[in-house]
Every structure is written in structure tokens, then in C-alpha cells.
Amino acid sequence: LEILNALSGRPSCILEGPVLKELVRRKGQFDRVAGFDKPSQSKSSAGEYFSQASIGHLGFTGTSFWIDPETDLIVVFLTNRIHPTRLNEKLKPFRPKLHNLICRKFLIKR
């Protein structure tokens, strides 16, 4: 929530908004900024609806989060990708589907 507040220009107890915004600003064509991921142009783990202002992080064990300051949406996904072995890749196609489902439910007016 502190990251979302700082990126959205709201008061934050810990982070300075302008500094964080500069750290997570995309430079060139890279999908990574200052320890975070940005939604990639195709096949993003964030799915289709997170804005380009979003930042996220994918952990080795499969946990992930995405924060979108344009929609005030935070999605945290806790999982164990490495069960039963670290070769398990089944989570990769599931993540964007999960994010799309959440975004359609909470962001898109019907």
C-alpha cells in the first residue's frame, strides 16, 4: 500500500513519491526497472489490463504482485511453483489468466 500511495501521489510514511516514480520509470525498451518488472508488450505475466504505469515482481517460488497506480489495484498471488520440483512451469500461463479475471471483475464496467 505504501508503494501504491507513493506512486499515486498520496502521502506515504516511508517512500518519497517523486523518487520512487523516477526509479520505476521505463527507460528504453526494458521491461525491468529498479528491482521491479513492468508489463511486457506481449505475453505479460500481468495479463492484458494492467497499465504501463504498473510495477510488479515475480518471485522464484511463484509468488508475485502487481501494483497499478492508475486504477488503485494491487494483486498479490502467493503460491509454490517449485512443488513438486523446480522444473514445474505450469504457473506461467496461469498468472496472466488470473490477473485478467481479477481486472475484468473489479475494473471493467459491465
N, C-alpha and C. Protein backbone atom coordinates (compact mmCIF):
# COMPACT_ATOMS: atom_id res chain seq x y z
N LEU A 1 0.83 -1.19 0.00
CA LEU A 1 0.00 0.00 0.00
C LEU A 1 0.88 1.26 0.00
N GLU A 2 2.01 1.19 0.68
CA GLU A 2 2.92 2.34 0.67
C GLU A 2 3.43 2.65 -0.74
N ILE A 3 3.73 1.61 -1.51
CA ILE A 3 4.19 1.82 -2.88
C ILE A 3 3.07 2.43 -3.71
N LEU A 4 1.87 1.91 -3.59
CA LEU A 4 0.73 2.46 -4.34
C LEU A 4 0.50 3.91 -3.96
N ASN A 5 0.52 4.23 -2.68
CA ASN A 5 0.32 5.61 -2.24
C ASN A 5 1.38 6.53 -2.83
N ALA A 6 2.64 6.11 -2.77
CA ALA A 6 3.73 6.95 -3.28
C ALA A 6 3.60 7.17 -4.78
N LEU A 7 3.28 6.10 -5.52
CA LEU A 7 3.14 6.23 -6.98
C LEU A 7 1.92 7.04 -7.37
N SER A 8 0.89 7.02 -6.53
CA SER A 8 -0.35 7.74 -6.83
C SER A 8 -0.34 9.18 -6.34
N GLY A 9 0.75 9.60 -5.71
CA GLY A 9 0.85 10.97 -5.23
C GLY A 9 0.18 11.22 -3.90
N ARG A 10 -0.23 10.15 -3.22
CA ARG A 10 -0.82 10.28 -1.89
C ARG A 10 0.28 10.23 -0.84
N PRO A 11 0.00 10.72 0.35
CA PRO A 11 1.01 10.69 1.41
C PRO A 11 1.47 9.26 1.71
N SER A 12 2.76 9.11 1.92
CA SER A 12 3.35 7.83 2.25
C SER A 12 4.24 8.02 3.47
N CYS A 13 4.20 7.10 4.38
CA CYS A 13 5.01 7.21 5.61
C CYS A 13 6.48 6.94 5.35
N ILE A 14 6.76 6.13 4.34
CA ILE A 14 8.13 5.65 4.15
C ILE A 14 8.76 6.16 2.86
N LEU A 15 8.02 6.15 1.78
CA LEU A 15 8.58 6.40 0.45
C LEU A 15 8.28 7.81 -0.04
N GLU A 16 9.21 8.37 -0.77
CA GLU A 16 9.01 9.68 -1.40
C GLU A 16 8.53 9.44 -2.83
N GLY A 17 7.32 9.92 -3.13
CA GLY A 17 6.71 9.69 -4.43
C GLY A 17 7.57 10.05 -5.62
N PRO A 18 8.13 11.26 -5.69
CA PRO A 18 8.93 11.63 -6.86
C PRO A 18 10.16 10.73 -7.05
N VAL A 19 10.78 10.34 -5.96
CA VAL A 19 11.96 9.47 -6.06
C VAL A 19 11.55 8.09 -6.58
N LEU A 20 10.49 7.52 -6.01
CA LEU A 20 10.03 6.20 -6.45
C LEU A 20 9.57 6.25 -7.91
N LYS A 21 8.86 7.31 -8.29
CA LYS A 21 8.39 7.42 -9.68
C LYS A 21 9.56 7.42 -10.66
N GLU A 22 10.64 8.09 -10.30
CA GLU A 22 11.82 8.11 -11.17
C GLU A 22 12.47 6.74 -11.23
N LEU A 23 12.52 6.04 -10.10
CA LEU A 23 13.13 4.71 -10.08
C LEU A 23 12.36 3.70 -10.94
N VAL A 24 11.05 3.84 -11.02
CA VAL A 24 10.25 2.85 -11.75
C VAL A 24 9.82 3.35 -13.13
N ARG A 25 10.39 4.46 -13.56
CA ARG A 25 10.10 4.97 -14.92
C ARG A 25 10.84 4.11 -15.94
N ARG A 26 10.11 3.67 -16.96
CA ARG A 26 10.70 2.84 -18.01
C ARG A 26 11.71 3.66 -18.79
N LYS A 27 12.88 3.08 -18.99
CA LYS A 27 13.93 3.73 -19.77
C LYS A 27 14.23 2.84 -20.97
N GLY A 28 13.89 3.29 -22.14
CA GLY A 28 14.10 2.47 -23.34
C GLY A 28 13.06 1.38 -23.43
N GLN A 29 13.47 0.25 -23.96
CA GLN A 29 12.56 -0.87 -24.20
C GLN A 29 12.58 -1.92 -23.10
N PHE A 30 13.27 -1.66 -22.01
CA PHE A 30 13.42 -2.65 -20.95
C PHE A 30 12.12 -2.87 -20.17
N ASP A 31 11.86 -4.12 -19.80
CA ASP A 31 10.68 -4.47 -19.01
C ASP A 31 11.00 -4.53 -17.52
N ARG A 32 12.20 -4.13 -17.13
CA ARG A 32 12.57 -4.14 -15.71
C ARG A 32 13.10 -2.76 -15.31
N VAL A 33 12.73 -2.36 -14.10
CA VAL A 33 13.17 -1.08 -13.55
C VAL A 33 13.43 -1.24 -12.06
N ALA A 34 14.57 -0.81 -11.58
CA ALA A 34 14.90 -0.72 -10.14
C ALA A 34 14.28 -1.83 -9.29
N GLY A 35 14.49 -3.08 -9.66
CA GLY A 35 14.02 -4.19 -8.84
C GLY A 35 12.60 -4.64 -9.10
N PHE A 36 11.92 -4.01 -10.05
CA PHE A 36 10.55 -4.36 -10.39
C PHE A 36 10.46 -4.74 -11.86
N ASP A 37 9.37 -5.41 -12.20
CA ASP A 37 9.03 -5.66 -13.60
C ASP A 37 8.00 -4.63 -14.04
N LYS A 38 7.95 -4.38 -15.33
CA LYS A 38 6.89 -3.58 -15.94
C LYS A 38 6.13 -4.53 -16.87
N PRO A 39 4.86 -4.25 -17.14
CA PRO A 39 4.14 -5.13 -18.07
C PRO A 39 4.84 -5.17 -19.43
N SER A 40 5.13 -6.36 -19.91
CA SER A 40 5.78 -6.50 -21.21
C SER A 40 4.75 -6.29 -22.32
N GLN A 41 5.24 -6.02 -23.50
CA GLN A 41 4.36 -5.71 -24.63
C GLN A 41 3.54 -6.91 -25.07
N SER A 42 4.07 -8.12 -24.88
CA SER A 42 3.30 -9.31 -25.25
C SER A 42 3.55 -10.40 -24.21
N LYS A 43 2.51 -11.18 -23.95
CA LYS A 43 2.57 -12.30 -23.02
C LYS A 43 3.07 -11.89 -21.63
N SER A 44 2.59 -10.78 -21.15
CA SER A 44 2.99 -10.30 -19.83
C SER A 44 2.36 -11.14 -18.73
N SER A 45 3.10 -11.42 -17.68
CA SER A 45 2.52 -12.14 -16.54
C SER A 45 1.44 -11.29 -15.87
N ALA A 46 1.44 -9.98 -16.13
CA ALA A 46 0.42 -9.09 -15.57
C ALA A 46 -0.92 -9.23 -16.28
N GLY A 47 -0.94 -9.90 -17.42
CA GLY A 47 -2.16 -10.01 -18.20
C GLY A 47 -2.33 -8.82 -19.13
N GLU A 48 -3.55 -8.56 -19.55
CA GLU A 48 -3.83 -7.55 -20.57
C GLU A 48 -4.28 -6.20 -20.03
N TYR A 49 -4.62 -6.09 -18.75
CA TYR A 49 -5.31 -4.90 -18.26
C TYR A 49 -4.49 -3.98 -17.36
N PHE A 50 -3.37 -4.43 -16.84
CA PHE A 50 -2.55 -3.54 -16.02
C PHE A 50 -1.92 -2.48 -16.90
N SER A 51 -1.96 -1.23 -16.45
CA SER A 51 -1.44 -0.12 -17.24
C SER A 51 0.09 -0.18 -17.32
N GLN A 52 0.64 0.60 -18.24
CA GLN A 52 2.10 0.67 -18.37
C GLN A 52 2.74 1.36 -17.17
N ALA A 53 1.94 2.01 -16.34
CA ALA A 53 2.47 2.63 -15.12
C ALA A 53 2.65 1.59 -14.00
N SER A 54 2.15 0.39 -14.22
CA SER A 54 2.20 -0.67 -13.20
C SER A 54 3.62 -1.16 -12.97
N ILE A 55 3.82 -1.68 -11.76
CA ILE A 55 5.06 -2.38 -11.44
C ILE A 55 4.69 -3.70 -10.78
N GLY A 56 5.57 -4.66 -10.92
CA GLY A 56 5.33 -5.96 -10.32
C GLY A 56 6.62 -6.65 -9.99
N HIS A 57 6.49 -7.81 -9.41
CA HIS A 57 7.66 -8.62 -9.08
C HIS A 57 7.24 -10.08 -9.07
N LEU A 58 8.07 -10.92 -9.67
CA LEU A 58 7.84 -12.35 -9.69
C LEU A 58 8.92 -13.02 -8.86
N GLY A 59 8.52 -13.78 -7.86
CA GLY A 59 9.48 -14.49 -7.03
C GLY A 59 9.79 -15.86 -7.60
N PHE A 60 10.96 -16.38 -7.28
CA PHE A 60 11.39 -17.69 -7.77
C PHE A 60 10.39 -18.79 -7.44
N THR A 61 9.80 -18.72 -6.26
CA THR A 61 8.88 -19.78 -5.84
C THR A 61 7.48 -19.63 -6.43
N GLY A 62 7.26 -18.59 -7.23
CA GLY A 62 5.97 -18.42 -7.88
C GLY A 62 5.13 -17.29 -7.32
N THR A 63 5.49 -16.76 -6.17
CA THR A 63 4.73 -15.64 -5.63
C THR A 63 4.91 -14.43 -6.55
N SER A 64 3.92 -13.58 -6.59
CA SER A 64 4.03 -12.39 -7.43
C SER A 64 3.12 -11.29 -6.90
N PHE A 65 3.41 -10.07 -7.32
CA PHE A 65 2.48 -8.97 -7.07
C PHE A 65 2.54 -8.00 -8.24
N TRP A 66 1.42 -7.33 -8.46
CA TRP A 66 1.33 -6.25 -9.44
C TRP A 66 0.58 -5.10 -8.79
N ILE A 67 1.08 -3.90 -9.00
CA ILE A 67 0.51 -2.67 -8.45
C ILE A 67 0.26 -1.71 -9.60
N ASP A 68 -0.99 -1.24 -9.72
CA ASP A 68 -1.33 -0.31 -10.79
C ASP A 68 -1.78 1.02 -10.19
N PRO A 69 -0.94 2.06 -10.24
CA PRO A 69 -1.32 3.35 -9.67
C PRO A 69 -2.44 4.06 -10.44
N GLU A 70 -2.69 3.67 -11.68
CA GLU A 70 -3.76 4.31 -12.45
C GLU A 70 -5.14 3.81 -12.06
N THR A 71 -5.23 2.59 -11.54
CA THR A 71 -6.53 2.02 -11.16
C THR A 71 -6.64 1.73 -9.66
N ASP A 72 -5.57 1.97 -8.91
CA ASP A 72 -5.51 1.66 -7.48
C ASP A 72 -5.69 0.17 -7.20
N LEU A 73 -5.23 -0.67 -8.12
CA LEU A 73 -5.38 -2.11 -7.95
C LEU A 73 -4.05 -2.73 -7.53
N ILE A 74 -4.11 -3.59 -6.53
CA ILE A 74 -2.97 -4.38 -6.10
C ILE A 74 -3.41 -5.85 -6.12
N VAL A 75 -2.64 -6.70 -6.78
CA VAL A 75 -2.90 -8.13 -6.77
C VAL A 75 -1.65 -8.82 -6.24
N VAL A 76 -1.84 -9.59 -5.19
CA VAL A 76 -0.76 -10.39 -4.61
C VAL A 76 -1.16 -11.85 -4.75
N PHE A 77 -0.29 -12.64 -5.35
CA PHE A 77 -0.56 -14.05 -5.59
C PHE A 77 0.52 -14.87 -4.89
N LEU A 78 0.11 -15.61 -3.88
CA LEU A 78 1.04 -16.44 -3.11
C LEU A 78 0.86 -17.89 -3.54
N THR A 79 1.93 -18.50 -3.97
CA THR A 79 1.86 -19.87 -4.46
C THR A 79 3.22 -20.54 -4.31
N ASN A 80 3.27 -21.81 -4.65
CA ASN A 80 4.51 -22.57 -4.57
C ASN A 80 4.76 -23.24 -5.91
N ARG A 81 5.38 -22.51 -6.82
CA ARG A 81 5.68 -23.01 -8.16
C ARG A 81 6.65 -24.18 -8.13
N ILE A 82 7.50 -24.25 -7.16
CA ILE A 82 8.55 -25.26 -7.17
C ILE A 82 8.11 -26.62 -6.63
N HIS A 83 6.79 -26.76 -6.35
CA HIS A 83 6.28 -28.06 -5.94
C HIS A 83 5.71 -28.78 -7.16
N PRO A 84 5.98 -29.97 -7.48
CA PRO A 84 6.82 -30.89 -6.72
C PRO A 84 8.30 -30.72 -7.01
N THR A 85 8.66 -30.02 -8.13
CA THR A 85 10.07 -29.75 -8.40
C THR A 85 10.20 -28.35 -8.97
N ARG A 86 11.41 -27.85 -9.01
CA ARG A 86 11.65 -26.51 -9.56
C ARG A 86 11.45 -26.45 -11.07
N LEU A 87 11.26 -27.59 -11.72
CA LEU A 87 11.01 -27.63 -13.16
C LEU A 87 9.54 -27.38 -13.50
N ASN A 88 8.70 -27.24 -12.52
CA ASN A 88 7.27 -27.02 -12.72
C ASN A 88 7.05 -25.63 -13.36
N GLU A 89 6.54 -25.59 -14.58
CA GLU A 89 6.31 -24.33 -15.30
C GLU A 89 4.83 -24.05 -15.53
N LYS A 90 3.95 -24.83 -14.92
CA LYS A 90 2.52 -24.70 -15.16
C LYS A 90 1.95 -23.35 -14.73
N LEU A 91 2.63 -22.65 -13.85
CA LEU A 91 2.15 -21.37 -13.35
C LEU A 91 2.24 -20.25 -14.38
N LYS A 92 3.19 -20.34 -15.29
CA LYS A 92 3.41 -19.26 -16.26
C LYS A 92 2.16 -18.90 -17.07
N PRO A 93 1.46 -19.85 -17.67
CA PRO A 93 0.26 -19.46 -18.42
C PRO A 93 -0.93 -19.12 -17.52
N PHE A 94 -0.89 -19.55 -16.26
CA PHE A 94 -2.00 -19.30 -15.34
C PHE A 94 -2.00 -17.86 -14.82
N ARG A 95 -0.82 -17.32 -14.52
CA ARG A 95 -0.73 -15.97 -13.93
C ARG A 95 -1.49 -14.91 -14.73
N PRO A 96 -1.23 -14.76 -16.04
CA PRO A 96 -1.97 -13.72 -16.77
C PRO A 96 -3.47 -13.97 -16.81
N LYS A 97 -3.88 -15.23 -16.84
CA LYS A 97 -5.31 -15.53 -16.82
C LYS A 97 -5.93 -15.09 -15.51
N LEU A 98 -5.25 -15.34 -14.41
CA LEU A 98 -5.73 -14.90 -13.10
C LEU A 98 -5.85 -13.38 -13.04
N HIS A 99 -4.82 -12.69 -13.49
CA HIS A 99 -4.84 -11.22 -13.47
C HIS A 99 -5.94 -10.66 -14.36
N ASN A 100 -6.14 -11.27 -15.53
CA ASN A 100 -7.23 -10.81 -16.41
C ASN A 100 -8.58 -10.99 -15.76
N LEU A 101 -8.79 -12.12 -15.11
CA LEU A 101 -10.05 -12.40 -14.42
C LEU A 101 -10.31 -11.36 -13.33
N ILE A 102 -9.30 -11.08 -12.53
CA ILE A 102 -9.45 -10.09 -11.45
C ILE A 102 -9.73 -8.71 -12.03
N CYS A 103 -9.01 -8.31 -13.06
CA CYS A 103 -9.22 -7.00 -13.67
C CYS A 103 -10.61 -6.88 -14.28
N ARG A 104 -11.05 -7.92 -14.95
CA ARG A 104 -12.40 -7.87 -15.53
C ARG A 104 -13.46 -7.75 -14.44
N LYS A 105 -13.24 -8.39 -13.33
CA LYS A 105 -14.21 -8.36 -12.23
C LYS A 105 -14.25 -6.99 -11.55
N PHE A 106 -13.09 -6.40 -11.32
CA PHE A 106 -13.03 -5.20 -10.50
C PHE A 106 -12.83 -3.89 -11.25
N LEU A 107 -12.40 -3.96 -12.51
CA LEU A 107 -12.09 -2.72 -13.22
C LEU A 107 -13.01 -2.40 -14.39
N ILE A 108 -13.50 -3.41 -15.05
CA ILE A 108 -14.25 -3.18 -16.28
C ILE A 108 -15.74 -3.08 -15.95
N LYS A 109 -16.31 -1.95 -16.30
CA LYS A 109 -17.75 -1.73 -16.08
C LYS A 109 -18.55 -2.55 -17.08
N ARG A 110 -19.60 -3.19 -16.58
CA ARG A 110 -20.44 -4.00 -17.47
C ARG A 110 -21.77 -3.35 -17.64
